[in-house]
PDB file of all heavy atoms in Angstrom:
ATOM      1  N   ARG A   1     117.612  59.103  97.806  1.00  0.00           N
ATOM      2  CA  ARG A   1     118.192  60.447  97.794  1.00  0.00           C
ATOM      3  C   ARG A   1     117.449  61.367  98.766  1.00  0.00           C
ATOM      4  O   ARG A   1     118.051  62.201  99.430  1.00  0.00           O
ATOM      5  CB  ARG A   1     118.144  61.037  96.386  1.00  0.00           C
ATOM      6  CG  ARG A   1     118.983  60.282  95.374  1.00  0.00           C
ATOM      7  CD  ARG A   1     119.198  61.124  94.123  1.00  0.00           C
ATOM      8  NE  ARG A   1     117.936  61.529  93.521  1.00  0.00           N
ATOM      9  CZ  ARG A   1     117.259  60.787  92.656  1.00  0.00           C
ATOM     10  NH1 ARG A   1     117.702  59.586  92.320  1.00  0.00           N
ATOM     11  NH2 ARG A   1     116.130  61.226  92.130  1.00  0.00           N
ATOM     12  N   ALA A   2     116.129  61.179  98.846  1.00  0.00           N
ATOM     13  CA  ALA A   2     115.337  62.009  99.761  1.00  0.00           C
ATOM     14  C   ALA A   2     115.754  61.766 101.198  1.00  0.00           C
ATOM     15  O   ALA A   2     115.916  62.705 101.984  1.00  0.00           O
ATOM     16  CB  ALA A   2     113.846  61.709  99.587  1.00  0.00           C
ATOM     17  N   ALA A   3     115.941  60.489 101.566  1.00  0.00           N
ATOM     18  CA  ALA A   3     116.349  60.173 102.935  1.00  0.00           C
ATOM     19  C   ALA A   3     117.712  60.766 103.246  1.00  0.00           C
ATOM     20  O   ALA A   3     117.938  61.334 104.324  1.00  0.00           O
ATOM     21  CB  ALA A   3     116.366  58.654 103.129  1.00  0.00           C
ATOM     22  N   GLU A   4     118.639  60.663 102.299  1.00  0.00           N
ATOM     23  CA  GLU A   4     119.985  61.196 102.523  1.00  0.00           C
ATOM     24  C   GLU A   4     119.949  62.713 102.674  1.00  0.00           C
ATOM     25  O   GLU A   4     120.614  63.279 103.542  1.00  0.00           O
ATOM     26  CB  GLU A   4     120.889  60.791 101.356  1.00  0.00           C
ATOM     27  CG  GLU A   4     121.174  59.289 101.322  1.00  0.00           C
ATOM     28  CD  GLU A   4     121.865  58.873 100.043  1.00  0.00           C
ATOM     29  OE1 GLU A   4     122.104  59.756  99.192  1.00  0.00           O
ATOM     30  OE2 GLU A   4     122.156  57.681  99.887  1.00  0.00           O
ATOM     31  N   ARG A   5     119.166  63.381 101.817  1.00  0.00           N
ATOM     32  CA  ARG A   5     119.114  64.841 101.891  1.00  0.00           C
ATOM     33  C   ARG A   5     118.471  65.305 103.187  1.00  0.00           C
ATOM     34  O   ARG A   5     118.900  66.285 103.796  1.00  0.00           O
ATOM     35  CB  ARG A   5     118.333  65.389 100.693  1.00  0.00           C
ATOM     36  CG  ARG A   5     119.111  65.289  99.385  1.00  0.00           C
ATOM     37  CD  ARG A   5     118.271  65.703  98.212  1.00  0.00           C
ATOM     38  NE  ARG A   5     118.999  65.560  96.957  1.00  0.00           N
ATOM     39  CZ  ARG A   5     118.448  65.686  95.768  1.00  0.00           C
ATOM     40  NH1 ARG A   5     117.164  65.953  95.657  1.00  0.00           N
ATOM     41  NH2 ARG A   5     119.173  65.546  94.667  1.00  0.00           N
ATOM     42  N   MET A   6     117.427  64.600 103.609  1.00  0.00           N
ATOM     43  CA  MET A   6     116.793  64.989 104.864  1.00  0.00           C
ATOM     44  C   MET A   6     117.741  64.781 106.036  1.00  0.00           C
ATOM     45  O   MET A   6     117.793  65.591 106.963  1.00  0.00           O
ATOM     46  CB  MET A   6     115.501  64.196 105.064  1.00  0.00           C
ATOM     47  CG  MET A   6     114.383  64.630 104.137  1.00  0.00           C
ATOM     48  SD  MET A   6     112.819  63.836 104.541  1.00  0.00           S
ATOM     49  CE  MET A   6     112.448  64.601 106.111  1.00  0.00           C
ATOM     50  N   ALA A   7     118.495  63.699 106.010  1.00  0.00           N
ATOM     51  CA  ALA A   7     119.456  63.456 107.078  1.00  0.00           C
ATOM     52  C   ALA A   7     120.515  64.547 107.111  1.00  0.00           C
ATOM     53  O   ALA A   7     120.978  64.967 108.179  1.00  0.00           O
ATOM     54  CB  ALA A   7     120.108  62.089 106.905  1.00  0.00           C
ATOM     55  N   GLU A   8     120.897  65.033 105.942  1.00  0.00           N
ATOM     56  CA  GLU A   8     121.917  66.072 105.855  1.00  0.00           C
ATOM     57  C   GLU A   8     121.387  67.426 106.312  1.00  0.00           C
ATOM     58  O   GLU A   8     122.088  68.193 106.967  1.00  0.00           O
ATOM     59  CB  GLU A   8     122.416  66.200 104.413  1.00  0.00           C
ATOM     60  CG  GLU A   8     123.233  65.007 103.932  1.00  0.00           C
ATOM     61  CD  GLU A   8     123.516  65.093 102.437  1.00  0.00           C
ATOM     62  OE1 GLU A   8     123.035  66.054 101.802  1.00  0.00           O
ATOM     63  OE2 GLU A   8     124.192  64.210 101.911  1.00  0.00           O
ATOM     64  N   ARG A   9     120.118  67.731 106.007  1.00  0.00           N
ATOM     65  CA  ARG A   9     119.653  69.102 106.115  1.00  0.00           C
ATOM     66  C   ARG A   9     118.731  69.360 107.288  1.00  0.00           C
ATOM     67  O   ARG A   9     118.591  70.501 107.727  1.00  0.00           O
ATOM     68  CB  ARG A   9     118.949  69.514 104.820  1.00  0.00           C
ATOM     69  CG  ARG A   9     119.812  69.293 103.582  1.00  0.00           C
ATOM     70  CD  ARG A   9     119.107  69.808 102.356  1.00  0.00           C
ATOM     71  NE  ARG A   9     119.184  71.262 102.312  1.00  0.00           N
ATOM     72  CZ  ARG A   9     119.981  71.920 101.488  1.00  0.00           C
ATOM     73  NH1 ARG A   9     120.776  71.290 100.668  1.00  0.00           N
ATOM     74  NH2 ARG A   9     119.997  73.240 101.482  1.00  0.00           N
ATOM     75  N   HIS A  10     118.057  68.337 107.810  1.00  0.00           N
ATOM     76  CA  HIS A  10     117.137  68.546 108.914  1.00  0.00           C
ATOM     77  C   HIS A  10     117.836  68.366 110.251  1.00  0.00           C
ATOM     78  O   HIS A  10     118.814  67.629 110.362  1.00  0.00           O
ATOM     79  CB  HIS A  10     115.982  67.533 108.844  1.00  0.00           C
ATOM     80  CG  HIS A  10     114.900  67.926 107.892  1.00  0.00           C
ATOM     81  ND1 HIS A  10     113.731  68.500 108.311  1.00  0.00           N
ATOM     82  CD2 HIS A  10     114.812  67.812 106.552  1.00  0.00           C
ATOM     83  CE1 HIS A  10     112.963  68.726 107.262  1.00  0.00           C
ATOM     84  NE2 HIS A  10     113.601  68.310 106.193  1.00  0.00           N
ATOM     85  N   GLY A  11     117.286  69.000 111.265  1.00  0.00           N
ATOM     86  CA  GLY A  11     117.735  68.728 112.622  1.00  0.00           C
ATOM     87  C   GLY A  11     117.367  67.299 112.987  1.00  0.00           C
ATOM     88  O   GLY A  11     116.339  66.779 112.579  1.00  0.00           O
ATOM     89  N   ARG A  12     118.200  66.652 113.787  1.00  0.00           N
ATOM     90  CA  ARG A  12     117.964  65.248 114.118  1.00  0.00           C
ATOM     91  C   ARG A  12     116.641  65.042 114.875  1.00  0.00           C
ATOM     92  O   ARG A  12     116.081  63.964 114.862  1.00  0.00           O
ATOM     93  CB  ARG A  12     119.119  64.704 114.960  1.00  0.00           C
ATOM     94  CG  ARG A  12     120.374  64.418 114.125  1.00  0.00           C
ATOM     95  CD  ARG A  12     120.078  63.300 113.136  1.00  0.00           C
ATOM     96  NE  ARG A  12     121.265  62.993 112.342  1.00  0.00           N
ATOM     97  CZ  ARG A  12     121.563  63.602 111.210  1.00  0.00           C
ATOM     98  NH1 ARG A  12     120.788  64.555 110.752  1.00  0.00           N
ATOM     99  NH2 ARG A  12     122.641  63.249 110.538  1.00  0.00           N
ATOM    100  N   GLY A  13     116.152  66.070 115.546  1.00  0.00           N
ATOM    101  CA  GLY A  13     114.905  65.922 116.270  1.00  0.00           C
ATOM    102  C   GLY A  13     113.684  66.142 115.401  1.00  0.00           C
ATOM    103  O   GLY A  13     112.573  66.106 115.887  1.00  0.00           O
ATOM    104  N   ASP A  14     113.879  66.394 114.117  1.00  0.00           N
ATOM    105  CA  ASP A  14     112.743  66.715 113.249  1.00  0.00           C
ATOM    106  C   ASP A  14     112.741  65.841 112.006  1.00  0.00           C
ATOM    107  O   ASP A  14     112.405  66.278 110.915  1.00  0.00           O
ATOM    108  CB  ASP A  14     112.797  68.197 112.847  1.00  0.00           C
ATOM    109  CG  ASP A  14     111.523  68.641 112.143  1.00  0.00           C
ATOM    110  OD1 ASP A  14     110.449  68.163 112.552  1.00  0.00           O
ATOM    111  OD2 ASP A  14     111.619  69.424 111.192  1.00  0.00           O
ATOM    112  N   LEU A  15     113.118  64.590 112.140  1.00  0.00           N
ATOM    113  CA  LEU A  15     113.113  63.657 111.015  1.00  0.00           C
ATOM    114  C   LEU A  15     111.954  62.683 111.102  1.00  0.00           C
ATOM    115  O   LEU A  15     111.333  62.360 110.097  1.00  0.00           O
ATOM    116  CB  LEU A  15     114.435  62.881 110.964  1.00  0.00           C
ATOM    117  CG  LEU A  15     115.656  63.676 110.532  1.00  0.00           C
ATOM    118  CD1 LEU A  15     116.911  62.833 110.705  1.00  0.00           C
ATOM    119  CD2 LEU A  15     115.532  64.129 109.096  1.00  0.00           C
ATOM    120  N   LEU A  16     111.677  62.202 112.288  1.00  0.00           N
ATOM    121  CA  LEU A  16     110.586  61.258 112.508  1.00  0.00           C
ATOM    122  C   LEU A  16     109.835  61.669 113.758  1.00  0.00           C
ATOM    123  O   LEU A  16     110.439  61.979 114.783  1.00  0.00           O
ATOM    124  CB  LEU A  16     111.119  59.827 112.674  1.00  0.00           C
ATOM    125  CG  LEU A  16     111.798  59.215 111.438  1.00  0.00           C
ATOM    126  CD1 LEU A  16     112.522  57.932 111.817  1.00  0.00           C
ATOM    127  CD2 LEU A  16     110.769  58.936 110.355  1.00  0.00           C
ATOM    128  N   ALA A  17     108.515  61.657 113.669  1.00  0.00           N
ATOM    129  CA  ALA A  17     107.702  62.140 114.784  1.00  0.00           C
ATOM    130  C   ALA A  17     107.963  61.330 116.044  1.00  0.00           C
ATOM    131  O   ALA A  17     107.932  60.104 116.031  1.00  0.00           O
ATOM    132  CB  ALA A  17     106.230  62.056 114.415  1.00  0.00           C
ATOM    133  N   GLY A  18     108.241  62.059 117.150  1.00  0.00           N
ATOM    134  CA  GLY A  18     108.376  61.424 118.446  1.00  0.00           C
ATOM    135  C   GLY A  18     109.666  60.670 118.649  1.00  0.00           C
ATOM    136  O   GLY A  18     109.836  60.007 119.673  1.00  0.00           O
ATOM    137  N   LEU A  19     110.594  60.741 117.717  1.00  0.00           N
ATOM    138  CA  LEU A  19     111.839  59.974 117.825  1.00  0.00           C
ATOM    139  C   LEU A  19     113.021  60.934 117.816  1.00  0.00           C
ATOM    140  O   LEU A  19     113.234  61.654 116.844  1.00  0.00           O
ATOM    141  CB  LEU A  19     111.949  58.986 116.662  1.00  0.00           C
ATOM    142  CG  LEU A  19     113.158  58.044 116.678  1.00  0.00           C
ATOM    143  CD1 LEU A  19     113.116  57.179 117.926  1.00  0.00           C
ATOM    144  CD2 LEU A  19     113.155  57.179 115.436  1.00  0.00           C
ATOM    145  N   ASP A  20     113.788  60.962 118.870  1.00  0.00           N
ATOM    146  CA  ASP A  20     114.942  61.850 118.985  1.00  0.00           C
ATOM    147  C   ASP A  20     116.170  61.130 118.431  1.00  0.00           C
ATOM    148  O   ASP A  20     116.644  60.152 118.996  1.00  0.00           O
ATOM    149  CB  ASP A  20     115.163  62.233 120.444  1.00  0.00           C
ATOM    150  CG  ASP A  20     116.286  63.254 120.608  1.00  0.00           C
ATOM    151  OD1 ASP A  20     116.833  63.690 119.578  1.00  0.00           O
ATOM    152  OD2 ASP A  20     116.596  63.609 121.757  1.00  0.00           O
ATOM    153  N   LEU A  21     116.677  61.628 117.315  1.00  0.00           N
ATOM    154  CA  LEU A  21     117.856  61.028 116.687  1.00  0.00           C
ATOM    155  C   LEU A  21     119.126  61.815 116.989  1.00  0.00           C
ATOM    156  O   LEU A  21     120.142  61.628 116.318  1.00  0.00           O
ATOM    157  CB  LEU A  21     117.652  60.944 115.172  1.00  0.00           C
ATOM    158  CG  LEU A  21     116.495  60.048 114.700  1.00  0.00           C
ATOM    159  CD1 LEU A  21     116.406  60.064 113.195  1.00  0.00           C
ATOM    160  CD2 LEU A  21     116.675  58.639 115.212  1.00  0.00           C
ATOM    161  N   THR A  22     119.065  62.701 117.969  1.00  0.00           N
ATOM    162  CA  THR A  22     120.244  63.487 118.320  1.00  0.00           C
ATOM    163  C   THR A  22     121.403  62.555 118.665  1.00  0.00           C
ATOM    164  O   THR A  22     121.264  61.614 119.444  1.00  0.00           O
ATOM    165  CB  THR A  22     119.943  64.390 119.526  1.00  0.00           C
ATOM    166  OG1 THR A  22     118.827  65.214 119.212  1.00  0.00           O
ATOM    167  CG2 THR A  22     121.144  65.252 119.858  1.00  0.00           C
ATOM    168  N   GLY A  23     122.551  62.802 118.054  1.00  0.00           N
ATOM    169  CA  GLY A  23     123.724  61.986 118.308  1.00  0.00           C
ATOM    170  C   GLY A  23     123.865  60.801 117.381  1.00  0.00           C
ATOM    171  O   GLY A  23     124.896  60.132 117.373  1.00  0.00           O
ATOM    172  N   GLN A  24     122.822  60.511 116.583  1.00  0.00           N
ATOM    173  CA  GLN A  24     122.903  59.395 115.642  1.00  0.00           C
ATOM    174  C   GLN A  24     123.517  59.875 114.330  1.00  0.00           C
ATOM    175  O   GLN A  24     123.332  61.020 113.927  1.00  0.00           O
ATOM    176  CB  GLN A  24     121.503  58.816 115.380  1.00  0.00           C
ATOM    177  CG  GLN A  24     120.800  58.324 116.631  1.00  0.00           C
ATOM    178  CD  GLN A  24     121.525  57.166 117.295  1.00  0.00           C
ATOM    179  OE1 GLN A  24     122.162  56.373 116.628  1.00  0.00           O
ATOM    180  NE2 GLN A  24     121.427  57.093 118.614  1.00  0.00           N
ATOM    181  N   ASP A  25     124.221  58.988 113.650  1.00  0.00           N
ATOM    182  CA  ASP A  25     124.820  59.386 112.383  1.00  0.00           C
ATOM    183  C   ASP A  25     123.814  59.253 111.254  1.00  0.00           C
ATOM    184  O   ASP A  25     122.704  58.753 111.429  1.00  0.00           O
ATOM    185  CB  ASP A  25     126.093  58.578 112.100  1.00  0.00           C
ATOM    186  CG  ASP A  25     125.821  57.082 111.955  1.00  0.00           C
ATOM    187  OD1 ASP A  25     124.669  56.701 111.700  1.00  0.00           O
ATOM    188  OD2 ASP A  25     126.783  56.295 112.082  1.00  0.00           O
ATOM    189  N   ASP A  26     124.219  59.700 110.048  1.00  0.00           N
ATOM    190  CA  ASP A  26     123.312  59.698 108.912  1.00  0.00           C
ATOM    191  C   ASP A  26     122.854  58.290 108.559  1.00  0.00           C
ATOM    192  O   ASP A  26     121.717  58.089 108.123  1.00  0.00           O
ATOM    193  CB  ASP A  26     123.987  60.334 107.689  1.00  0.00           C
ATOM    194  CG  ASP A  26     124.077  61.848 107.808  1.00  0.00           C
ATOM    195  OD1 ASP A  26     123.557  62.383 108.803  1.00  0.00           O
ATOM    196  OD2 ASP A  26     124.663  62.475 106.911  1.00  0.00           O
ATOM    197  N   GLY A  27     123.726  57.300 108.726  1.00  0.00           N
ATOM    198  CA  GLY A  27     123.361  55.931 108.369  1.00  0.00           C
ATOM    199  C   GLY A  27     122.177  55.433 109.173  1.00  0.00           C
ATOM    200  O   GLY A  27     121.251  54.820 108.628  1.00  0.00           O
ATOM    201  N   VAL A  28     122.167  55.719 110.472  1.00  0.00           N
ATOM    202  CA  VAL A  28     121.051  55.308 111.325  1.00  0.00           C
ATOM    203  C   VAL A  28     119.789  56.066 110.929  1.00  0.00           C
ATOM    204  O   VAL A  28     118.697  55.482 110.803  1.00  0.00           O
ATOM    205  CB  VAL A  28     121.384  55.562 112.809  1.00  0.00           C
ATOM    206  CG1 VAL A  28     120.159  55.311 113.684  1.00  0.00           C
ATOM    207  CG2 VAL A  28     122.545  54.673 113.243  1.00  0.00           C
ATOM    208  N   ALA A  29     119.915  57.375 110.719  1.00  0.00           N
ATOM    209  CA  ALA A  29     118.749  58.178 110.353  1.00  0.00           C
ATOM    210  C   ALA A  29     118.147  57.703 109.040  1.00  0.00           C
ATOM    211  O   ALA A  29     116.925  57.566 108.908  1.00  0.00           O
ATOM    212  CB  ALA A  29     119.151  59.653 110.258  1.00  0.00           C
ATOM    213  N   VAL A  30     118.994  57.456 108.046  1.00  0.00           N
ATOM    214  CA  VAL A  30     118.510  56.998 106.739  1.00  0.00           C
ATOM    215  C   VAL A  30     117.817  55.646 106.865  1.00  0.00           C
ATOM    216  O   VAL A  30     116.747  55.421 106.292  1.00  0.00           O
ATOM    217  CB  VAL A  30     119.672  56.926 105.727  1.00  0.00           C
ATOM    218  CG1 VAL A  30     119.235  56.202 104.457  1.00  0.00           C
ATOM    219  CG2 VAL A  30     120.159  58.330 105.384  1.00  0.00           C
ATOM    220  N   ALA A  31     118.405  54.730 107.619  1.00  0.00           N
ATOM    221  CA  ALA A  31     117.809  53.404 107.785  1.00  0.00           C
ATOM    222  C   ALA A  31     116.430  53.490 108.428  1.00  0.00           C
ATOM    223  O   ALA A  31     115.486  52.815 108.002  1.00  0.00           O
ATOM    224  CB  ALA A  31     118.731  52.515 108.619  1.00  0.00           C
ATOM    225  N   LEU A  32     116.292  54.336 109.449  1.00  0.00           N
ATOM    226  CA  LEU A  32     115.006  54.479 110.118  1.00  0.00           C
ATOM    227  C   LEU A  32     113.977  55.135 109.199  1.00  0.00           C
ATOM    228  O   LEU A  32     112.796  54.769 109.210  1.00  0.00           O
ATOM    229  CB  LEU A  32     115.172  55.284 111.404  1.00  0.00           C
ATOM    230  CG  LEU A  32     115.916  54.560 112.536  1.00  0.00           C
ATOM    231  CD1 LEU A  32     116.190  55.513 113.684  1.00  0.00           C
ATOM    232  CD2 LEU A  32     115.108  53.362 113.022  1.00  0.00           C
ATOM    233  N   MET A  33     114.419  56.101 108.385  1.00  0.00           N
ATOM    234  CA  MET A  33     113.490  56.729 107.450  1.00  0.00           C
ATOM    235  C   MET A  33     113.038  55.757 106.375  1.00  0.00           C
ATOM    236  O   MET A  33     111.869  55.735 105.979  1.00  0.00           O
ATOM    237  CB  MET A  33     114.130  57.979 106.834  1.00  0.00           C
ATOM    238  CG  MET A  33     114.171  59.165 107.790  1.00  0.00           C
ATOM    239  SD  MET A  33     114.692  60.689 106.988  1.00  0.00           S
ATOM    240  CE  MET A  33     116.449  60.402 106.850  1.00  0.00           C
ATOM    241  N   GLU A  34     113.950  54.934 105.892  1.00  0.00           N
ATOM    242  CA  GLU A  34     113.581  53.936 104.901  1.00  0.00           C
ATOM    243  C   GLU A  34     112.595  52.934 105.480  1.00  0.00           C
ATOM    244  O   GLU A  34     111.654  52.489 104.799  1.00  0.00           O
ATOM    245  CB  GLU A  34     114.832  53.224 104.383  1.00  0.00           C
ATOM    246  CG  GLU A  34     115.710  54.108 103.502  1.00  0.00           C
ATOM    247  CD  GLU A  34     117.002  53.429 103.119  1.00  0.00           C
ATOM    248  OE1 GLU A  34     117.338  52.392 103.724  1.00  0.00           O
ATOM    249  OE2 GLU A  34     117.685  53.934 102.203  1.00  0.00           O
ATOM    250  N   LEU A  35     112.786  52.568 106.743  1.00  0.00           N
ATOM    251  CA  LEU A  35     111.863  51.647 107.398  1.00  0.00           C
ATOM    252  C   LEU A  35     110.471  52.279 107.511  1.00  0.00           C
ATOM    253  O   LEU A  35     109.456  51.620 107.243  1.00  0.00           O
ATOM    254  CB  LEU A  35     112.399  51.286 108.785  1.00  0.00           C
ATOM    255  CG  LEU A  35     111.594  50.247 109.581  1.00  0.00           C
ATOM    256  CD1 LEU A  35     111.591  48.920 108.841  1.00  0.00           C
ATOM    257  CD2 LEU A  35     112.186  50.076 110.977  1.00  0.00           C
ATOM    258  N   ALA A  36     110.430  53.550 107.900  1.00  0.00           N
ATOM    259  CA  ALA A  36     109.146  54.240 108.013  1.00  0.00           C
ATOM    260  C   ALA A  36     108.455  54.337 106.667  1.00  0.00           C
ATOM    261  O   ALA A  36     107.233  54.202 106.556  1.00  0.00           O
ATOM    262  CB  ALA A  36     109.353  55.642 108.596  1.00  0.00           C
ATOM    263  N   ARG A  37     109.243  54.546 105.599  1.00  0.00           N
ATOM    264  CA  ARG A  37     108.649  54.718 104.274  1.00  0.00           C
ATOM    265  C   ARG A  37     108.056  53.424 103.718  1.00  0.00           C
ATOM    266  O   ARG A  37     107.277  53.453 102.766  1.00  0.00           O
ATOM    267  CB  ARG A  37     109.690  55.286 103.305  1.00  0.00           C
ATOM    268  CG  ARG A  37     109.068  56.106 102.181  1.00  0.00           C
ATOM    269  CD  ARG A  37     110.118  56.570 101.181  1.00  0.00           C
ATOM    270  NE  ARG A  37     111.143  57.403 101.769  1.00  0.00           N
ATOM    271  CZ  ARG A  37     111.009  58.700 101.990  1.00  0.00           C
ATOM    272  NH1 ARG A  37     109.874  59.297 101.703  1.00  0.00           N
ATOM    273  NH2 ARG A  37     111.996  59.398 102.527  1.00  0.00           N
TER     274      ARG A  37
END
């Protein structure tokens, strides 16, 4: 739920340090956050 909410509410450039997710959908962002976690 945390990954989904962050994907919904944060700017794509402020989800993971040094990684620009601009243009990526929530599924990609969530998957990368889960991997980092």
